[in-house]
Amino acid sequence: MNIMRSGLHTVVSICDEELLGRTLREGKIVFKVSEPFYGGQLVDVDTALRIAAEFSIVNMVGERVVSRAVELGMVHKAAVIRIEGVPHAMILKTWI
């Protein structure tokens, strides 16, 4: 799990541990699960999602984290895409 602050925005990125450093490819999509973006603190899935729920931008990749986010109602299953069979989802909360 990694928490990155940039100006007014905070991005939380979460991946299943075994995906860190991998590059997923499907068609024209090249998705890097890079250490600088996803690396950071090693925490269990529920802790990561509890922390992520406090922020408005969340990027997640991996079977465990995405399926748990769906179970918790944080992500709708229709919003999940698969890249090389690996689920990926994003949360973007907006306020008017």
PDB file of N, CA and C in Angstrom:
ATOM      1  N   MET A   1       0.841  -1.177   0.000  1.00  0.00           N
ATOM      2  CA  MET A   1       0.000   0.000   0.000  1.00  0.00           C
ATOM      3  C   MET A   1       0.886   1.239   0.000  1.00  0.00           C
ATOM      4  N   ASN A   2       0.472   2.221  -0.781  1.00  0.00           N
ATOM      5  CA  ASN A   2       1.228   3.459  -0.843  1.00  0.00           C
ATOM      6  C   ASN A   2       0.243   4.628  -0.808  1.00  0.00           C
ATOM      7  N   ILE A   3       0.581   5.656  -0.070  1.00  0.00           N
ATOM      8  CA  ILE A   3      -0.235   6.874   0.000  1.00  0.00           C
ATOM      9  C   ILE A   3       0.622   8.017  -0.523  1.00  0.00           C
ATOM     10  N   MET A   4       0.143   8.634  -1.608  1.00  0.00           N
ATOM     11  CA  MET A   4       0.906   9.710  -2.244  1.00  0.00           C
ATOM     12  C   MET A   4       0.078  10.990  -2.238  1.00  0.00           C
ATOM     13  N   ARG A   5       0.676  12.048  -1.751  1.00  0.00           N
ATOM     14  CA  ARG A   5       0.007  13.343  -1.731  1.00  0.00           C
ATOM     15  C   ARG A   5       0.613  14.240  -2.802  1.00  0.00           C
ATOM     16  N   SER A   6      -0.276  14.907  -3.536  1.00  0.00           N
ATOM     17  CA  SER A   6       0.164  15.819  -4.579  1.00  0.00           C
ATOM     18  C   SER A   6      -0.794  17.005  -4.589  1.00  0.00           C
ATOM     19  N   GLY A   7      -0.344  18.119  -4.086  1.00  0.00           N
ATOM     20  CA  GLY A   7      -1.213  19.291  -4.019  1.00  0.00           C
ATOM     21  C   GLY A   7      -2.419  19.006  -3.149  1.00  0.00           C
ATOM     22  N   LEU A   8      -3.604  19.189  -3.712  1.00  0.00           N
ATOM     23  CA  LEU A   8      -4.845  18.976  -2.979  1.00  0.00           C
ATOM     24  C   LEU A   8      -5.299  17.523  -2.979  1.00  0.00           C
ATOM     25  N   HIS A   9      -4.649  16.684  -3.746  1.00  0.00           N
ATOM     26  CA  HIS A   9      -5.104  15.316  -3.929  1.00  0.00           C
ATOM     27  C   HIS A   9      -4.210  14.312  -3.207  1.00  0.00           C
ATOM     28  N   THR A  10      -4.838  13.231  -2.771  1.00  0.00           N
ATOM     29  CA  THR A  10      -4.130  12.105  -2.189  1.00  0.00           C
ATOM     30  C   THR A  10      -4.570  10.860  -2.935  1.00  0.00           C
ATOM     31  N   VAL A  11      -3.614  10.076  -3.393  1.00  0.00           N
ATOM     32  CA  VAL A  11      -3.893   8.833  -4.108  1.00  0.00           C
ATOM     33  C   VAL A  11      -3.410   7.675  -3.250  1.00  0.00           C
ATOM     34  N   VAL A  12      -4.295   6.712  -3.043  1.00  0.00           N
ATOM     35  CA  VAL A  12      -3.938   5.496  -2.329  1.00  0.00           C
ATOM     36  C   VAL A  12      -3.852   4.381  -3.364  1.00  0.00           C
ATOM     37  N   SER A  13      -2.731   3.693  -3.393  1.00  0.00           N
ATOM     38  CA  SER A  13      -2.576   2.572  -4.326  1.00  0.00           C
ATOM     39  C   SER A  13      -2.320   1.303  -3.520  1.00  0.00           C
ATOM     40  N   ILE A  14      -3.019   0.244  -3.923  1.00  0.00           N
ATOM     41  CA  ILE A  14      -2.953  -1.025  -3.198  1.00  0.00           C
ATOM     42  C   ILE A  14      -2.818  -2.154  -4.216  1.00  0.00           C
ATOM     43  N   CYS A  15      -1.920  -3.085  -3.944  1.00  0.00           N
ATOM     44  CA  CYS A  15      -1.820  -4.272  -4.796  1.00  0.00           C
ATOM     45  C   CYS A  15      -1.582  -5.501  -3.931  1.00  0.00           C
ATOM     46  N   ASP A  16      -1.970  -6.646  -4.466  1.00  0.00           N
ATOM     47  CA  ASP A  16      -1.608  -7.897  -3.816  1.00  0.00           C
ATOM     48  C   ASP A  16      -0.089  -8.011  -3.889  1.00  0.00           C
ATOM     49  N   GLU A  17       0.508  -8.442  -2.804  1.00  0.00           N
ATOM     50  CA  GLU A  17       1.967  -8.427  -2.647  1.00  0.00           C
ATOM     51  C   GLU A  17       2.712  -9.097  -3.799  1.00  0.00           C
ATOM     52  N   GLU A  18       2.219 -10.228  -4.285  1.00  0.00           N
ATOM     53  CA  GLU A  18       2.935 -10.974  -5.326  1.00  0.00           C
ATOM     54  C   GLU A  18       2.919 -10.283  -6.692  1.00  0.00           C
ATOM     55  N   LEU A  19       2.100  -9.253  -6.849  1.00  0.00           N
ATOM     56  CA  LEU A  19       2.037  -8.523  -8.108  1.00  0.00           C
ATOM     57  C   LEU A  19       3.046  -7.384  -8.190  1.00  0.00           C
ATOM     58  N   LEU A  20       3.571  -6.962  -7.065  1.00  0.00           N
ATOM     59  CA  LEU A  20       4.485  -5.822  -7.040  1.00  0.00           C
ATOM     60  C   LEU A  20       5.686  -6.086  -7.956  1.00  0.00           C
ATOM     61  N   GLY A  21       5.910  -5.180  -8.875  1.00  0.00           N
ATOM     62  CA  GLY A  21       7.019  -5.300  -9.819  1.00  0.00           C
ATOM     63  C   GLY A  21       6.649  -5.979 -11.126  1.00  0.00           C
ATOM     64  N   ARG A  22       5.463  -6.544 -11.218  1.00  0.00           N
ATOM     65  CA  ARG A  22       5.042  -7.222 -12.457  1.00  0.00           C
ATOM     66  C   ARG A  22       4.513  -6.219 -13.472  1.00  0.00           C
ATOM     67  N   THR A  23       4.578  -6.616 -14.722  1.00  0.00           N
ATOM     68  CA  THR A  23       3.951  -5.869 -15.804  1.00  0.00           C
ATOM     69  C   THR A  23       2.902  -6.776 -16.426  1.00  0.00           C
ATOM     70  N   LEU A  24       1.670  -6.305 -16.450  1.00  0.00           N
ATOM     71  CA  LEU A  24       0.559  -7.062 -17.024  1.00  0.00           C
ATOM     72  C   LEU A  24       0.306  -6.547 -18.429  1.00  0.00           C
ATOM     73  N   ARG A  25       0.083  -7.469 -19.359  1.00  0.00           N
ATOM     74  CA  ARG A  25      -0.152  -7.079 -20.753  1.00  0.00           C
ATOM     75  C   ARG A  25      -1.394  -7.780 -21.281  1.00  0.00           C
ATOM     76  N   GLU A  26      -2.216  -7.005 -21.958  1.00  0.00           N
ATOM     77  CA  GLU A  26      -3.377  -7.576 -22.626  1.00  0.00           C
ATOM     78  C   GLU A  26      -3.732  -6.661 -23.786  1.00  0.00           C
ATOM     79  N   GLY A  27      -3.624  -7.180 -24.988  1.00  0.00           N
ATOM     80  CA  GLY A  27      -3.843  -6.357 -26.173  1.00  0.00           C
ATOM     81  C   GLY A  27      -2.871  -5.190 -26.171  1.00  0.00           C
ATOM     82  N   LYS A  28      -3.408  -3.990 -26.299  1.00  0.00           N
ATOM     83  CA  LYS A  28      -2.564  -2.794 -26.295  1.00  0.00           C
ATOM     84  C   LYS A  28      -2.297  -2.255 -24.885  1.00  0.00           C
ATOM     85  N   ILE A  29      -2.885  -2.897 -23.884  1.00  0.00           N
ATOM     86  CA  ILE A  29      -2.717  -2.435 -22.507  1.00  0.00           C
ATOM     87  C   ILE A  29      -1.415  -2.973 -21.923  1.00  0.00           C
ATOM     88  N   VAL A  30      -0.614  -2.071 -21.385  1.00  0.00           N
ATOM     89  CA  VAL A  30       0.585  -2.433 -20.625  1.00  0.00           C
ATOM     90  C   VAL A  30       0.421  -1.768 -19.259  1.00  0.00           C
ATOM     91  N   PHE A  31       0.261  -2.582 -18.227  1.00  0.00           N
ATOM     92  CA  PHE A  31      -0.043  -2.091 -16.884  1.00  0.00           C
ATOM     93  C   PHE A  31       1.098  -2.487 -15.959  1.00  0.00           C
ATOM     94  N   LYS A  32       1.831  -1.494 -15.469  1.00  0.00           N
ATOM     95  CA  LYS A  32       2.973  -1.762 -14.593  1.00  0.00           C
ATOM     96  C   LYS A  32       2.558  -1.616 -13.133  1.00  0.00           C
ATOM     97  N   VAL A  33       2.744  -2.673 -12.389  1.00  0.00           N
ATOM     98  CA  VAL A  33       2.490  -2.638 -10.953  1.00  0.00           C
ATOM     99  C   VAL A  33       3.837  -2.253 -10.330  1.00  0.00           C
ATOM    100  N   SER A  34       4.169  -0.988 -10.472  1.00  0.00           N
ATOM    101  CA  SER A  34       5.520  -0.519 -10.147  1.00  0.00           C
ATOM    102  C   SER A  34       5.720  -0.277  -8.655  1.00  0.00           C
ATOM    103  N   GLU A  35       6.946  -0.478  -8.240  1.00  0.00           N
ATOM    104  CA  GLU A  35       7.346  -0.247  -6.848  1.00  0.00           C
ATOM    105  C   GLU A  35       7.112   1.213  -6.424  1.00  0.00           C
ATOM    106  N   PRO A  36       7.483   2.201  -7.264  1.00  0.00           N
ATOM    107  CA  PRO A  36       7.268   3.592  -6.832  1.00  0.00           C
ATOM    108  C   PRO A  36       5.793   3.942  -6.609  1.00  0.00           C
ATOM    109  N   PHE A  37       4.888   3.339  -7.390  1.00  0.00           N
ATOM    110  CA  PHE A  37       3.469   3.681  -7.263  1.00  0.00           C
ATOM    111  C   PHE A  37       2.753   2.809  -6.242  1.00  0.00           C
ATOM    112  N   TYR A  38       2.984   1.512  -6.272  1.00  0.00           N
ATOM    113  CA  TYR A  38       2.266   0.585  -5.396  1.00  0.00           C
ATOM    114  C   TYR A  38       3.048   0.182  -4.153  1.00  0.00           C
ATOM    115  N   GLY A  39       4.359   0.307  -4.193  1.00  0.00           N
ATOM    116  CA  GLY A  39       5.171  -0.101  -3.045  1.00  0.00           C
ATOM    117  C   GLY A  39       5.032   0.877  -1.900  1.00  0.00           C
ATOM    118  N   GLY A  40       5.324   0.440  -0.745  1.00  0.00           N
ATOM    119  CA  GLY A  40       5.202   1.311   0.426  1.00  0.00           C
ATOM    120  C   GLY A  40       5.143   0.457   1.658  1.00  0.00           C
ATOM    121  N   GLN A  41       3.999   0.459   2.295  1.00  0.00           N
ATOM    122  CA  GLN A  41       3.821  -0.261   3.541  1.00  0.00           C
ATOM    123  C   GLN A  41       3.110  -1.592   3.276  1.00  0.00           C
ATOM    124  N   LEU A  42       3.620  -2.674   3.861  1.00  0.00           N
ATOM    125  CA  LEU A  42       2.985  -3.980   3.753  1.00  0.00           C
ATOM    126  C   LEU A  42       1.946  -4.101   4.869  1.00  0.00           C
ATOM    127  N   VAL A  43       0.668  -4.170   4.478  1.00  0.00           N
ATOM    128  CA  VAL A  43      -0.424  -4.282   5.439  1.00  0.00           C
ATOM    129  C   VAL A  43      -1.409  -5.331   4.932  1.00  0.00           C
ATOM    130  N   ASP A  44      -2.251  -5.838   5.814  1.00  0.00           N
ATOM    131  CA  ASP A  44      -3.259  -6.803   5.368  1.00  0.00           C
ATOM    132  C   ASP A  44      -4.347  -6.075   4.584  1.00  0.00           C
ATOM    133  N   VAL A  45      -5.113  -6.842   3.823  1.00  0.00           N
ATOM    134  CA  VAL A  45      -6.111  -6.270   2.917  1.00  0.00           C
ATOM    135  C   VAL A  45      -7.136  -5.403   3.642  1.00  0.00           C
ATOM    136  N   ASP A  46      -7.671  -5.893   4.750  1.00  0.00           N
ATOM    137  CA  ASP A  46      -8.692  -5.117   5.460  1.00  0.00           C
ATOM    138  C   ASP A  46      -8.148  -3.799   6.001  1.00  0.00           C
ATOM    139  N   THR A  47      -6.921  -3.808   6.484  1.00  0.00           N
ATOM    140  CA  THR A  47      -6.303  -2.567   6.962  1.00  0.00           C
ATOM    141  C   THR A  47      -6.121  -1.596   5.804  1.00  0.00           C
ATOM    142  N   ALA A  48      -5.629  -2.093   4.676  1.00  0.00           N
ATOM    143  CA  ALA A  48      -5.420  -1.240   3.501  1.00  0.00           C
ATOM    144  C   ALA A  48      -6.727  -0.599   3.055  1.00  0.00           C
ATOM    145  N   LEU A  49      -7.787  -1.389   2.997  1.00  0.00           N
ATOM    146  CA  LEU A  49      -9.069  -0.848   2.544  1.00  0.00           C
ATOM    147  C   LEU A  49      -9.694   0.086   3.569  1.00  0.00           C
ATOM    148  N   ARG A  50      -9.478  -0.168   4.846  1.00  0.00           N
ATOM    149  CA  ARG A  50      -9.980   0.741   5.886  1.00  0.00           C
ATOM    150  C   ARG A  50      -9.294   2.108   5.759  1.00  0.00           C
ATOM    151  N   ILE A  51      -7.998   2.098   5.527  1.00  0.00           N
ATOM    152  CA  ILE A  51      -7.265   3.357   5.330  1.00  0.00           C
ATOM    153  C   ILE A  51      -7.704   4.018   4.033  1.00  0.00           C
ATOM    154  N   ALA A  52      -7.812   3.234   2.961  1.00  0.00           N
ATOM    155  CA  ALA A  52      -8.193   3.772   1.654  1.00  0.00           C
ATOM    156  C   ALA A  52      -9.560   4.438   1.690  1.00  0.00           C
ATOM    157  N   ALA A  53     -10.464   3.931   2.517  1.00  0.00           N
ATOM    158  CA  ALA A  53     -11.820   4.486   2.601  1.00  0.00           C
ATOM    159  C   ALA A  53     -11.830   5.941   3.059  1.00  0.00           C
ATOM    160  N   GLU A  54     -10.742   6.391   3.665  1.00  0.00           N
ATOM    161  CA  GLU A  54     -10.653   7.763   4.138  1.00  0.00           C
ATOM    162  C   GLU A  54     -10.299   8.764   3.034  1.00  0.00           C
ATOM    163  N   PHE A  55      -9.919   8.246   1.853  1.00  0.00           N
ATOM    164  CA  PHE A  55      -9.435   9.108   0.774  1.00  0.00           C
ATOM    165  C   PHE A  55     -10.343   9.029  -0.445  1.00  0.00           C
ATOM    166  N   SER A  56     -10.184   9.984  -1.349  1.00  0.00           N
ATOM    167  CA  SER A  56     -11.099  10.066  -2.488  1.00  0.00           C
ATOM    168  C   SER A  56     -10.587   9.392  -3.756  1.00  0.00           C
ATOM    169  N   ILE A  57      -9.310   9.062  -3.829  1.00  0.00           N
ATOM    170  CA  ILE A  57      -8.773   8.407  -5.024  1.00  0.00           C
ATOM    171  C   ILE A  57      -8.040   7.144  -4.590  1.00  0.00           C
ATOM    172  N   VAL A  58      -8.525   6.000  -5.096  1.00  0.00           N
ATOM    173  CA  VAL A  58      -7.927   4.713  -4.742  1.00  0.00           C
ATOM    174  C   VAL A  58      -7.732   3.913  -6.017  1.00  0.00           C
ATOM    175  N   ASN A  59      -6.543   3.344  -6.157  1.00  0.00           N
ATOM    176  CA  ASN A  59      -6.204   2.514  -7.304  1.00  0.00           C
ATOM    177  C   ASN A  59      -5.796   1.161  -6.738  1.00  0.00           C
ATOM    178  N   MET A  60      -6.430   0.081  -7.198  1.00  0.00           N
ATOM    179  CA  MET A  60      -6.115  -1.226  -6.636  1.00  0.00           C
ATOM    180  C   MET A  60      -6.024  -2.296  -7.718  1.00  0.00           C
ATOM    181  N   VAL A  61      -5.139  -3.249  -7.486  1.00  0.00           N
ATOM    182  CA  VAL A  61      -4.956  -4.348  -8.436  1.00  0.00           C
ATOM    183  C   VAL A  61      -4.642  -5.625  -7.662  1.00  0.00           C
ATOM    184  N   GLY A  62      -5.307  -6.698  -8.056  1.00  0.00           N
ATOM    185  CA  GLY A  62      -5.066  -7.986  -7.426  1.00  0.00           C
ATOM    186  C   GLY A  62      -6.354  -8.651  -6.994  1.00  0.00           C
ATOM    187  N   GLU A  63      -6.344  -9.961  -7.031  1.00  0.00           N
ATOM    188  CA  GLU A  63      -7.540 -10.737  -6.697  1.00  0.00           C
ATOM    189  C   GLU A  63      -8.018 -10.492  -5.277  1.00  0.00           C
ATOM    190  N   ARG A  64      -7.124 -10.504  -4.310  1.00  0.00           N
ATOM    191  CA  ARG A  64      -7.542 -10.361  -2.909  1.00  0.00           C
ATOM    192  C   ARG A  64      -8.087  -8.972  -2.615  1.00  0.00           C
ATOM    193  N   VAL A  65      -7.353  -7.944  -2.995  1.00  0.00           N
ATOM    194  CA  VAL A  65      -7.780  -6.592  -2.635  1.00  0.00           C
ATOM    195  C   VAL A  65      -9.047  -6.182  -3.382  1.00  0.00           C
ATOM    196  N   VAL A  66      -9.132  -6.485  -4.667  1.00  0.00           N
ATOM    197  CA  VAL A  66     -10.305  -6.069  -5.438  1.00  0.00           C
ATOM    198  C   VAL A  66     -11.540  -6.866  -5.008  1.00  0.00           C
ATOM    199  N   SER A  67     -11.404  -8.167  -4.822  1.00  0.00           N
ATOM    200  CA  SER A  67     -12.581  -8.952  -4.418  1.00  0.00           C
ATOM    201  C   SER A  67     -13.072  -8.525  -3.034  1.00  0.00           C
ATOM    202  N   ARG A  68     -12.165  -8.187  -2.138  1.00  0.00           N
ATOM    203  CA  ARG A  68     -12.575  -7.717  -0.807  1.00  0.00           C
ATOM    204  C   ARG A  68     -13.261  -6.353  -0.899  1.00  0.00           C
ATOM    205  N   ALA A  69     -12.764  -5.476  -1.764  1.00  0.00           N
ATOM    206  CA  ALA A  69     -13.402  -4.167  -1.958  1.00  0.00           C
ATOM    207  C   ALA A  69     -14.815  -4.337  -2.506  1.00  0.00           C
ATOM    208  N   VAL A  70     -15.012  -5.312  -3.384  1.00  0.00           N
ATOM    209  CA  VAL A  70     -16.351  -5.600  -3.905  1.00  0.00           C
ATOM    210  C   VAL A  70     -17.232  -6.131  -2.769  1.00  0.00           C
ATOM    211  N   GLU A  71     -16.721  -7.071  -1.981  1.00  0.00           N
ATOM    212  CA  GLU A  71     -17.475  -7.629  -0.844  1.00  0.00           C
ATOM    213  C   GLU A  71     -17.919  -6.538   0.124  1.00  0.00           C
ATOM    214  N   LEU A  72     -17.064  -5.558   0.361  1.00  0.00           N
ATOM    215  CA  LEU A  72     -17.361  -4.479   1.298  1.00  0.00           C
ATOM    216  C   LEU A  72     -18.249  -3.391   0.703  1.00  0.00           C
ATOM    217  N   GLY A  73     -18.549  -3.487  -0.591  1.00  0.00           N
ATOM    218  CA  GLY A  73     -19.380  -2.489  -1.245  1.00  0.00           C
ATOM    219  C   GLY A  73     -18.636  -1.226  -1.633  1.00  0.00           C
ATOM    220  N   MET A  74     -17.319  -1.264  -1.609  1.00  0.00           N
ATOM    221  CA  MET A  74     -16.523  -0.095  -1.990  1.00  0.00           C
ATOM    222  C   MET A  74     -16.432   0.046  -3.505  1.00  0.00           C
ATOM    223  N   VAL A  75     -16.528  -1.081  -4.205  1.00  0.00           N
ATOM    224  CA  VAL A  75     -16.418  -1.133  -5.665  1.00  0.00           C
ATOM    225  C   VAL A  75     -17.547  -2.012  -6.181  1.00  0.00           C
ATOM    226  N   HIS A  76     -18.216  -1.575  -7.238  1.00  0.00           N
ATOM    227  CA  HIS A  76     -19.236  -2.403  -7.873  1.00  0.00           C
ATOM    228  C   HIS A  76     -18.533  -3.399  -8.789  1.00  0.00           C
ATOM    229  N   LYS A  77     -18.997  -4.639  -8.797  1.00  0.00           N
ATOM    230  CA  LYS A  77     -18.320  -5.667  -9.595  1.00  0.00           C
ATOM    231  C   LYS A  77     -18.283  -5.330 -11.080  1.00  0.00           C
ATOM    232  N   ALA A  78     -19.229  -4.539 -11.564  1.00  0.00           N
ATOM    233  CA  ALA A  78     -19.235  -4.140 -12.974  1.00  0.00           C
ATOM    234  C   ALA A  78     -18.128  -3.131 -13.284  1.00  0.00           C
ATOM    235  N   ALA A  79     -17.555  -2.527 -12.256  1.00  0.00           N
ATOM    236  CA  ALA A  79     -16.489  -1.534 -12.449  1.00  0.00           C
ATOM    237  C   ALA A  79     -15.103  -2.166 -12.468  1.00  0.00           C
ATOM    238  N   VAL A  80     -15.035  -3.471 -12.301  1.00  0.00           N
ATOM    239  CA  VAL A  80     -13.749  -4.176 -12.265  1.00  0.00           C
ATOM    240  C   VAL A  80     -13.375  -4.617 -13.676  1.00  0.00           C
ATOM    241  N   ILE A  81     -12.146  -4.292 -14.070  1.00  0.00           N
ATOM    242  CA  ILE A  81     -11.635  -4.801 -15.345  1.00  0.00           C
ATOM    243  C   ILE A  81     -10.557  -5.833 -15.030  1.00  0.00           C
ATOM    244  N   ARG A  82     -10.257  -6.649 -16.009  1.00  0.00           N
ATOM    245  CA  ARG A  82      -9.191  -7.645 -15.845  1.00  0.00           C
ATOM    246  C   ARG A  82      -8.139  -7.412 -16.915  1.00  0.00           C
ATOM    247  N   ILE A  83      -6.905  -7.418 -16.468  1.00  0.00           N
ATOM    248  CA  ILE A  83      -5.761  -7.268 -17.362  1.00  0.00           C
ATOM    249  C   ILE A  83      -4.902  -8.497 -17.152  1.00  0.00           C
ATOM    250  N   GLU A  84      -4.757  -9.269 -18.198  1.00  0.00           N
ATOM    251  CA  GLU A  84      -4.032 -10.540 -18.106  1.00  0.00           C
ATOM    252  C   GLU A  84      -4.646 -11.414 -16.997  1.00  0.00           C
ATOM    253  N   GLY A  85      -5.969 -11.304 -16.842  1.00  0.00           N
ATOM    254  CA  GLY A  85      -6.695 -12.091 -15.856  1.00  0.00           C
ATOM    255  C   GLY A  85      -6.683 -11.528 -14.451  1.00  0.00           C
ATOM    256  N   VAL A  86      -5.954 -10.441 -14.219  1.00  0.00           N
ATOM    257  CA  VAL A  86      -5.817  -9.851 -12.882  1.00  0.00           C
ATOM    258  C   VAL A  86      -6.807  -8.691 -12.745  1.00  0.00           C
ATOM    259  N   PRO A  87      -7.630  -8.685 -11.690  1.00  0.00           N
ATOM    260  CA  PRO A  87      -8.600  -7.609 -11.528  1.00  0.00           C
ATOM    261  C   PRO A  87      -7.960  -6.271 -11.130  1.00  0.00           C
ATOM    262  N   HIS A  88      -8.545  -5.202 -11.679  1.00  0.00           N
ATOM    263  CA  HIS A  88      -8.105  -3.838 -11.384  1.00  0.00           C
ATOM    264  C   HIS A  88      -9.352  -2.986 -11.195  1.00  0.00           C
ATOM    265  N   ALA A  89      -9.313  -2.108 -10.197  1.00  0.00           N
ATOM    266  CA  ALA A  89     -10.441  -1.200  -9.955  1.00  0.00           C
ATOM    267  C   ALA A  89      -9.919   0.119  -9.415  1.00  0.00           C
ATOM    268  N   MET A  90     -10.707   1.146  -9.638  1.00  0.00           N
ATOM    269  CA  MET A  90     -10.381   2.468  -9.103  1.00  0.00           C
ATOM    270  C   MET A  90     -11.606   3.031  -8.399  1.00  0.00           C
ATOM    271  N   ILE A  91     -11.352   3.826  -7.403  1.00  0.00           N
ATOM    272  CA  ILE A  91     -12.419   4.568  -6.719  1.00  0.00           C
ATOM    273  C   ILE A  91     -12.090   6.044  -6.860  1.00  0.00           C
ATOM    274  N   LEU A  92     -13.070   6.808  -7.287  1.00  0.00           N
ATOM    275  CA  LEU A  92     -12.919   8.253  -7.379  1.00  0.00           C
ATOM    276  C   LEU A  92     -14.163   8.873  -6.778  1.00  0.00           C
ATOM    277  N   LYS A  93     -14.011   9.452  -5.615  1.00  0.00           N
ATOM    278  CA  LYS A  93     -15.125  10.099  -4.944  1.00  0.00           C
ATOM    279  C   LYS A  93     -15.089  11.572  -5.290  1.00  0.00           C
ATOM    280  N   THR A  94     -16.244  12.104  -5.652  1.00  0.00           N
ATOM    281  CA  THR A  94     -16.327  13.527  -5.955  1.00  0.00           C
ATOM    282  C   THR A  94     -17.412  14.162  -5.101  1.00  0.00           C
ATOM    283  N   TRP A  95     -17.238  15.419  -4.827  1.00  0.00           N
ATOM    284  CA  TRP A  95     -18.220  16.183  -4.064  1.00  0.00           C
ATOM    285  C   TRP A  95     -18.602  17.401  -4.872  1.00  0.00           C
ATOM    286  N   ILE A  96     -19.850  17.733  -4.825  1.00  0.00           N
ATOM    287  CA  ILE A  96     -20.330  18.917  -5.554  1.00  0.00           C
ATOM    288  C   ILE A  96     -20.479  20.064  -4.582  1.00  0.00           C
TER     289      ILE A  96
END
